[in-house]
Amino acid sequence: MTYQKRYIAYASAMGRSPDQQLAWDETHWPGGKMAGFMLWISEAWHRWGQAPEWGDAWSDRQHEMFDAWLSGS
């Protein structure tokens, strides 16, 4: 299976591979297996977007910077 890079970052932050995380999420979030990821990514956007210079709308470059930040790069 191919995973989106933000899901890979989520799995890594949880200490799991993407396959392991998906299996875990399926048992811990019945009826909404992506709920854990959605909560995690929302919190990550919130923490990252606290810088006042970002404003309300983010550019493609800011999305790239966010992805790098998620990956720890």
PDB file of N, CA and C in Angstrom:
ATOM      1  N   MET A   1       0.854  -1.184   0.000  1.00  0.00           N
ATOM      2  CA  MET A   1       0.000   0.000   0.000  1.00  0.00           C
ATOM      3  C   MET A   1       0.893   1.238   0.000  1.00  0.00           C
ATOM      4  N   THR A   2       0.462   2.260  -0.691  1.00  0.00           N
ATOM      5  CA  THR A   2       1.174   3.534  -0.719  1.00  0.00           C
ATOM      6  C   THR A   2       0.499   4.483   0.263  1.00  0.00           C
ATOM      7  N   TYR A   3       1.303   5.137   1.090  1.00  0.00           N
ATOM      8  CA  TYR A   3       0.771   6.067   2.081  1.00  0.00           C
ATOM      9  C   TYR A   3       1.181   7.496   1.750  1.00  0.00           C
ATOM     10  N   GLN A   4       0.321   8.413   2.090  1.00  0.00           N
ATOM     11  CA  GLN A   4       0.575   9.839   1.937  1.00  0.00           C
ATOM     12  C   GLN A   4       1.640  10.229   2.963  1.00  0.00           C
ATOM     13  N   LYS A   5       2.532  11.166   2.600  1.00  0.00           N
ATOM     14  CA  LYS A   5       3.664  11.490   3.471  1.00  0.00           C
ATOM     15  C   LYS A   5       3.246  12.030   4.838  1.00  0.00           C
ATOM     16  N   ARG A   6       2.122  12.673   4.928  1.00  0.00           N
ATOM     17  CA  ARG A   6       1.685  13.168   6.237  1.00  0.00           C
ATOM     18  C   ARG A   6       1.208  12.021   7.120  1.00  0.00           C
ATOM     19  N   TYR A   7       0.638  10.996   6.517  1.00  0.00           N
ATOM     20  CA  TYR A   7       0.253   9.815   7.295  1.00  0.00           C
ATOM     21  C   TYR A   7       1.503   9.076   7.763  1.00  0.00           C
ATOM     22  N   ILE A   8       2.529   9.039   6.939  1.00  0.00           N
ATOM     23  CA  ILE A   8       3.791   8.414   7.331  1.00  0.00           C
ATOM     24  C   ILE A   8       4.392   9.150   8.524  1.00  0.00           C
ATOM     25  N   ALA A   9       4.340  10.485   8.501  1.00  0.00           N
ATOM     26  CA  ALA A   9       4.840  11.279   9.622  1.00  0.00           C
ATOM     27  C   ALA A   9       4.028  10.992  10.890  1.00  0.00           C
ATOM     28  N   TYR A  10       2.722  10.858  10.750  1.00  0.00           N
ATOM     29  CA  TYR A  10       1.844  10.521  11.881  1.00  0.00           C
ATOM     30  C   TYR A  10       2.232   9.179  12.473  1.00  0.00           C
ATOM     31  N   ALA A  11       2.370   8.171  11.622  1.00  0.00           N
ATOM     32  CA  ALA A  11       2.735   6.840  12.094  1.00  0.00           C
ATOM     33  C   ALA A  11       4.080   6.879  12.808  1.00  0.00           C
ATOM     34  N   SER A  12       5.022   7.589  12.229  1.00  0.00           N
ATOM     35  CA  SER A  12       6.347   7.711  12.828  1.00  0.00           C
ATOM     36  C   SER A  12       6.274   8.390  14.198  1.00  0.00           C
ATOM     37  N   ALA A  13       5.462   9.440  14.297  1.00  0.00           N
ATOM     38  CA  ALA A  13       5.299  10.142  15.578  1.00  0.00           C
ATOM     39  C   ALA A  13       4.693   9.233  16.644  1.00  0.00           C
ATOM     40  N   MET A  14       3.924   8.249  16.213  1.00  0.00           N
ATOM     41  CA  MET A  14       3.308   7.292  17.136  1.00  0.00           C
ATOM     42  C   MET A  14       4.223   6.090  17.399  1.00  0.00           C
ATOM     43  N   GLY A  15       5.386   6.059  16.730  1.00  0.00           N
ATOM     44  CA  GLY A  15       6.330   4.969  16.916  1.00  0.00           C
ATOM     45  C   GLY A  15       5.982   3.701  16.161  1.00  0.00           C
ATOM     46  N   ARG A  16       5.241   3.864  15.068  1.00  0.00           N
ATOM     47  CA  ARG A  16       4.797   2.711  14.286  1.00  0.00           C
ATOM     48  C   ARG A  16       5.087   2.917  12.804  1.00  0.00           C
ATOM     49  N   SER A  17       5.092   1.810  12.067  1.00  0.00           N
ATOM     50  CA  SER A  17       5.140   1.903  10.610  1.00  0.00           C
ATOM     51  C   SER A  17       3.732   2.294  10.145  1.00  0.00           C
ATOM     52  N   PRO A  18       3.575   2.769   8.919  1.00  0.00           N
ATOM     53  CA  PRO A  18       2.232   3.103   8.444  1.00  0.00           C
ATOM     54  C   PRO A  18       1.268   1.913   8.502  1.00  0.00           C
ATOM     55  N   ASP A  19       1.741   0.715   8.139  1.00  0.00           N
ATOM     56  CA  ASP A  19       0.871  -0.470   8.206  1.00  0.00           C
ATOM     57  C   ASP A  19       0.451  -0.764   9.643  1.00  0.00           C
ATOM     58  N   GLN A  20       1.407  -0.677  10.573  1.00  0.00           N
ATOM     59  CA  GLN A  20       1.092  -0.910  11.979  1.00  0.00           C
ATOM     60  C   GLN A  20       0.110   0.139  12.503  1.00  0.00           C
ATOM     61  N   GLN A  21       0.320   1.395  12.104  1.00  0.00           N
ATOM     62  CA  GLN A  21      -0.561   2.467  12.576  1.00  0.00           C
ATOM     63  C   GLN A  21      -1.977   2.283  12.062  1.00  0.00           C
ATOM     64  N   LEU A  22      -2.095   1.915  10.793  1.00  0.00           N
ATOM     65  CA  LEU A  22      -3.425   1.702  10.230  1.00  0.00           C
ATOM     66  C   LEU A  22      -4.149   0.581  10.972  1.00  0.00           C
ATOM     67  N   ALA A  23      -3.440  -0.504  11.261  1.00  0.00           N
ATOM     68  CA  ALA A  23      -4.049  -1.612  12.013  1.00  0.00           C
ATOM     69  C   ALA A  23      -4.457  -1.152  13.409  1.00  0.00           C
ATOM     70  N   TRP A  24      -3.604  -0.372  14.062  1.00  0.00           N
ATOM     71  CA  TRP A  24      -3.911   0.147  15.395  1.00  0.00           C
ATOM     72  C   TRP A  24      -5.131   1.061  15.340  1.00  0.00           C
ATOM     73  N   ASP A  25      -5.140   1.977  14.372  1.00  0.00           N
ATOM     74  CA  ASP A  25      -6.256   2.919  14.239  1.00  0.00           C
ATOM     75  C   ASP A  25      -7.571   2.197  13.962  1.00  0.00           C
ATOM     76  N   GLU A  26      -7.519   1.130  13.184  1.00  0.00           N
ATOM     77  CA  GLU A  26      -8.750   0.383  12.879  1.00  0.00           C
ATOM     78  C   GLU A  26      -9.372  -0.211  14.132  1.00  0.00           C
ATOM     79  N   THR A  27      -8.551  -0.594  15.112  1.00  0.00           N
ATOM     80  CA  THR A  27      -9.094  -1.170  16.352  1.00  0.00           C
ATOM     81  C   THR A  27      -9.428  -0.107  17.391  1.00  0.00           C
ATOM     82  N   HIS A  28      -8.690   1.011  17.384  1.00  0.00           N
ATOM     83  CA  HIS A  28      -8.912   2.044  18.403  1.00  0.00           C
ATOM     84  C   HIS A  28      -9.865   3.158  17.980  1.00  0.00           C
ATOM     85  N   TRP A  29     -10.168   3.223  16.712  1.00  0.00           N
ATOM     86  CA  TRP A  29     -11.109   4.227  16.205  1.00  0.00           C
ATOM     87  C   TRP A  29     -12.172   3.527  15.364  1.00  0.00           C
ATOM     88  N   PRO A  30     -12.922   2.591  15.936  1.00  0.00           N
ATOM     89  CA  PRO A  30     -13.937   1.883  15.134  1.00  0.00           C
ATOM     90  C   PRO A  30     -14.973   2.874  14.602  1.00  0.00           C
ATOM     91  N   GLY A  31     -15.314   2.685  13.370  1.00  0.00           N
ATOM     92  CA  GLY A  31     -16.284   3.581  12.751  1.00  0.00           C
ATOM     93  C   GLY A  31     -15.664   4.831  12.169  1.00  0.00           C
ATOM     94  N   GLY A  32     -14.356   5.008  12.356  1.00  0.00           N
ATOM     95  CA  GLY A  32     -13.678   6.192  11.822  1.00  0.00           C
ATOM     96  C   GLY A  32     -12.180   6.046  11.958  1.00  0.00           C
ATOM     97  N   LYS A  33     -11.607   5.083  11.255  1.00  0.00           N
ATOM     98  CA  LYS A  33     -10.203   4.739  11.457  1.00  0.00           C
ATOM     99  C   LYS A  33      -9.230   5.878  11.176  1.00  0.00           C
ATOM    100  N   MET A  34      -9.662   6.919  10.494  1.00  0.00           N
ATOM    101  CA  MET A  34      -8.769   8.047  10.244  1.00  0.00           C
ATOM    102  C   MET A  34      -8.917   9.156  11.283  1.00  0.00           C
ATOM    103  N   ALA A  35      -9.758   8.931  12.289  1.00  0.00           N
ATOM    104  CA  ALA A  35      -9.988   9.957  13.313  1.00  0.00           C
ATOM    105  C   ALA A  35      -8.704  10.334  14.041  1.00  0.00           C
ATOM    106  N   GLY A  36      -7.892   9.348  14.397  1.00  0.00           N
ATOM    107  CA  GLY A  36      -6.634   9.636  15.091  1.00  0.00           C
ATOM    108  C   GLY A  36      -5.725  10.514  14.256  1.00  0.00           C
ATOM    109  N   PHE A  37      -5.616  10.182  12.976  1.00  0.00           N
ATOM    110  CA  PHE A  37      -4.798  10.998  12.077  1.00  0.00           C
ATOM    111  C   PHE A  37      -5.361  12.401  11.955  1.00  0.00           C
ATOM    112  N   MET A  38      -6.665  12.523  11.798  1.00  0.00           N
ATOM    113  CA  MET A  38      -7.274  13.850  11.627  1.00  0.00           C
ATOM    114  C   MET A  38      -7.052  14.722  12.863  1.00  0.00           C
ATOM    115  N   LEU A  39      -7.163  14.139  14.042  1.00  0.00           N
ATOM    116  CA  LEU A  39      -6.899  14.892  15.269  1.00  0.00           C
ATOM    117  C   LEU A  39      -5.436  15.301  15.340  1.00  0.00           C
ATOM    118  N   TRP A  40      -4.547  14.359  15.027  1.00  0.00           N
ATOM    119  CA  TRP A  40      -3.114  14.623  15.086  1.00  0.00           C
ATOM    120  C   TRP A  40      -2.706  15.707  14.086  1.00  0.00           C
ATOM    121  N   ILE A  41      -3.174  15.612  12.842  1.00  0.00           N
ATOM    122  CA  ILE A  41      -2.764  16.577  11.819  1.00  0.00           C
ATOM    123  C   ILE A  41      -3.363  17.956  12.111  1.00  0.00           C
ATOM    124  N   SER A  42      -4.562  18.004  12.659  1.00  0.00           N
ATOM    125  CA  SER A  42      -5.160  19.298  13.035  1.00  0.00           C
ATOM    126  C   SER A  42      -4.336  19.979  14.111  1.00  0.00           C
ATOM    127  N   GLU A  43      -3.911  19.204  15.105  1.00  0.00           N
ATOM    128  CA  GLU A  43      -3.071  19.756  16.171  1.00  0.00           C
ATOM    129  C   GLU A  43      -1.716  20.194  15.618  1.00  0.00           C
ATOM    130  N   ALA A  44      -1.152  19.404  14.706  1.00  0.00           N
ATOM    131  CA  ALA A  44       0.133  19.773  14.101  1.00  0.00           C
ATOM    132  C   ALA A  44       0.017  21.078  13.322  1.00  0.00           C
ATOM    133  N   TRP A  45      -1.029  21.227  12.514  1.00  0.00           N
ATOM    134  CA  TRP A  45      -1.243  22.486  11.781  1.00  0.00           C
ATOM    135  C   TRP A  45      -1.373  23.643  12.765  1.00  0.00           C
ATOM    136  N   HIS A  46      -2.098  23.417  13.835  1.00  0.00           N
ATOM    137  CA  HIS A  46      -2.298  24.482  14.827  1.00  0.00           C
ATOM    138  C   HIS A  46      -0.962  24.906  15.440  1.00  0.00           C
ATOM    139  N   ARG A  47      -0.173  23.931  15.901  1.00  0.00           N
ATOM    140  CA  ARG A  47       1.118  24.256  16.522  1.00  0.00           C
ATOM    141  C   ARG A  47       2.045  24.945  15.525  1.00  0.00           C
ATOM    142  N   TRP A  48       2.115  24.412  14.310  1.00  0.00           N
ATOM    143  CA  TRP A  48       3.014  24.972  13.303  1.00  0.00           C
ATOM    144  C   TRP A  48       2.565  26.358  12.864  1.00  0.00           C
ATOM    145  N   GLY A  49       1.268  26.564  12.763  1.00  0.00           N
ATOM    146  CA  GLY A  49       0.727  27.818  12.243  1.00  0.00           C
ATOM    147  C   GLY A  49       0.638  28.944  13.247  1.00  0.00           C
ATOM    148  N   GLN A  50       1.188  28.765  14.421  1.00  0.00           N
ATOM    149  CA  GLN A  50       1.139  29.816  15.437  1.00  0.00           C
ATOM    150  C   GLN A  50       2.009  31.024  15.097  1.00  0.00           C
ATOM    151  N   ALA A  51       2.953  30.864  14.202  1.00  0.00           N
ATOM    152  CA  ALA A  51       3.815  31.984  13.832  1.00  0.00           C
ATOM    153  C   ALA A  51       2.966  33.076  13.189  1.00  0.00           C
ATOM    154  N   PRO A  52       3.015  34.295  13.721  1.00  0.00           N
ATOM    155  CA  PRO A  52       2.140  35.368  13.221  1.00  0.00           C
ATOM    156  C   PRO A  52       2.362  35.724  11.761  1.00  0.00           C
ATOM    157  N   GLU A  53       3.550  35.469  11.228  1.00  0.00           N
ATOM    158  CA  GLU A  53       3.808  35.849   9.838  1.00  0.00           C
ATOM    159  C   GLU A  53       3.076  34.968   8.833  1.00  0.00           C
ATOM    160  N   TRP A  54       2.473  33.854   9.273  1.00  0.00           N
ATOM    161  CA  TRP A  54       1.796  32.972   8.330  1.00  0.00           C
ATOM    162  C   TRP A  54       0.463  33.536   7.855  1.00  0.00           C
ATOM    163  N   GLY A  55      -0.204  34.292   8.651  1.00  0.00           N
ATOM    164  CA  GLY A  55      -1.498  34.832   8.233  1.00  0.00           C
ATOM    165  C   GLY A  55      -2.565  33.750   8.164  1.00  0.00           C
ATOM    166  N   ASP A  56      -3.607  33.990   7.396  1.00  0.00           N
ATOM    167  CA  ASP A  56      -4.740  33.074   7.335  1.00  0.00           C
ATOM    168  C   ASP A  56      -4.684  32.068   6.187  1.00  0.00           C
ATOM    169  N   ALA A  57      -4.029  32.403   5.101  1.00  0.00           N
ATOM    170  CA  ALA A  57      -3.969  31.506   3.941  1.00  0.00           C
ATOM    171  C   ALA A  57      -2.518  31.115   3.709  1.00  0.00           C
ATOM    172  N   TRP A  58      -2.287  29.823   3.533  1.00  0.00           N
ATOM    173  CA  TRP A  58      -0.918  29.338   3.375  1.00  0.00           C
ATOM    174  C   TRP A  58      -0.609  29.036   1.920  1.00  0.00           C
ATOM    175  N   SER A  59       0.598  29.390   1.530  1.00  0.00           N
ATOM    176  CA  SER A  59       1.061  29.186   0.154  1.00  0.00           C
ATOM    177  C   SER A  59       1.527  27.734  -0.028  1.00  0.00           C
ATOM    178  N   ASP A  60       1.784  27.376  -1.276  1.00  0.00           N
ATOM    179  CA  ASP A  60       2.345  26.058  -1.564  1.00  0.00           C
ATOM    180  C   ASP A  60       3.669  25.880  -0.833  1.00  0.00           C
ATOM    181  N   ARG A  61       4.481  26.923  -0.784  1.00  0.00           N
ATOM    182  CA  ARG A  61       5.778  26.862  -0.097  1.00  0.00           C
ATOM    183  C   ARG A  61       5.578  26.596   1.396  1.00  0.00           C
ATOM    184  N   GLN A  62       4.588  27.212   2.002  1.00  0.00           N
ATOM    185  CA  GLN A  62       4.326  26.972   3.426  1.00  0.00           C
ATOM    186  C   GLN A  62       3.861  25.531   3.656  1.00  0.00           C
ATOM    187  N   HIS A  63       3.094  24.980   2.727  1.00  0.00           N
ATOM    188  CA  HIS A  63       2.712  23.567   2.826  1.00  0.00           C
ATOM    189  C   HIS A  63       3.955  22.685   2.754  1.00  0.00           C
ATOM    190  N   GLU A  64       4.893  23.009   1.867  1.00  0.00           N
ATOM    191  CA  GLU A  64       6.144  22.256   1.766  1.00  0.00           C
ATOM    192  C   GLU A  64       6.938  22.364   3.064  1.00  0.00           C
ATOM    193  N   MET A  65       6.968  23.561   3.642  1.00  0.00           N
ATOM    194  CA  MET A  65       7.682  23.774   4.907  1.00  0.00           C
ATOM    195  C   MET A  65       7.014  22.983   6.034  1.00  0.00           C
ATOM    196  N   PHE A  66       5.699  22.941   6.037  1.00  0.00           N
ATOM    197  CA  PHE A  66       4.964  22.167   7.039  1.00  0.00           C
ATOM    198  C   PHE A  66       5.310  20.689   6.925  1.00  0.00           C
ATOM    199  N   ASP A  67       5.331  20.166   5.696  1.00  0.00           N
ATOM    200  CA  ASP A  67       5.668  18.763   5.496  1.00  0.00           C
ATOM    201  C   ASP A  67       7.084  18.459   5.981  1.00  0.00           C
ATOM    202  N   ALA A  68       8.011  19.351   5.713  1.00  0.00           N
ATOM    203  CA  ALA A  68       9.380  19.169   6.192  1.00  0.00           C
ATOM    204  C   ALA A  68       9.421  19.194   7.717  1.00  0.00           C
ATOM    205  N   TRP A  69       8.656  20.089   8.323  1.00  0.00           N
ATOM    206  CA  TRP A  69       8.593  20.179   9.783  1.00  0.00           C
ATOM    207  C   TRP A  69       8.016  18.896  10.366  1.00  0.00           C
ATOM    208  N   LEU A  70       6.948  18.356   9.744  1.00  0.00           N
ATOM    209  CA  LEU A  70       6.359  17.108  10.219  1.00  0.00           C
ATOM    210  C   LEU A  70       7.375  15.976  10.202  1.00  0.00           C
ATOM    211  N   SER A  71       8.202  15.966   9.165  1.00  0.00           N
ATOM    212  CA  SER A  71       9.179  14.890   8.988  1.00  0.00           C
ATOM    213  C   SER A  71      10.426  15.104   9.845  1.00  0.00           C
ATOM    214  N   GLY A  72      10.506  16.244  10.492  1.00  0.00           N
ATOM    215  CA  GLY A  72      11.666  16.531  11.315  1.00  0.00           C
ATOM    216  C   GLY A  72      12.871  16.979  10.514  1.00  0.00           C
ATOM    217  N   SER A  73      12.631  17.373   9.268  1.00  0.00           N
ATOM    218  CA  SER A  73      13.733  17.806   8.399  1.00  0.00           C
ATOM    219  C   SER A  73      13.986  19.286   8.546  1.00  0.00           C
TER     220      SER A  73
END
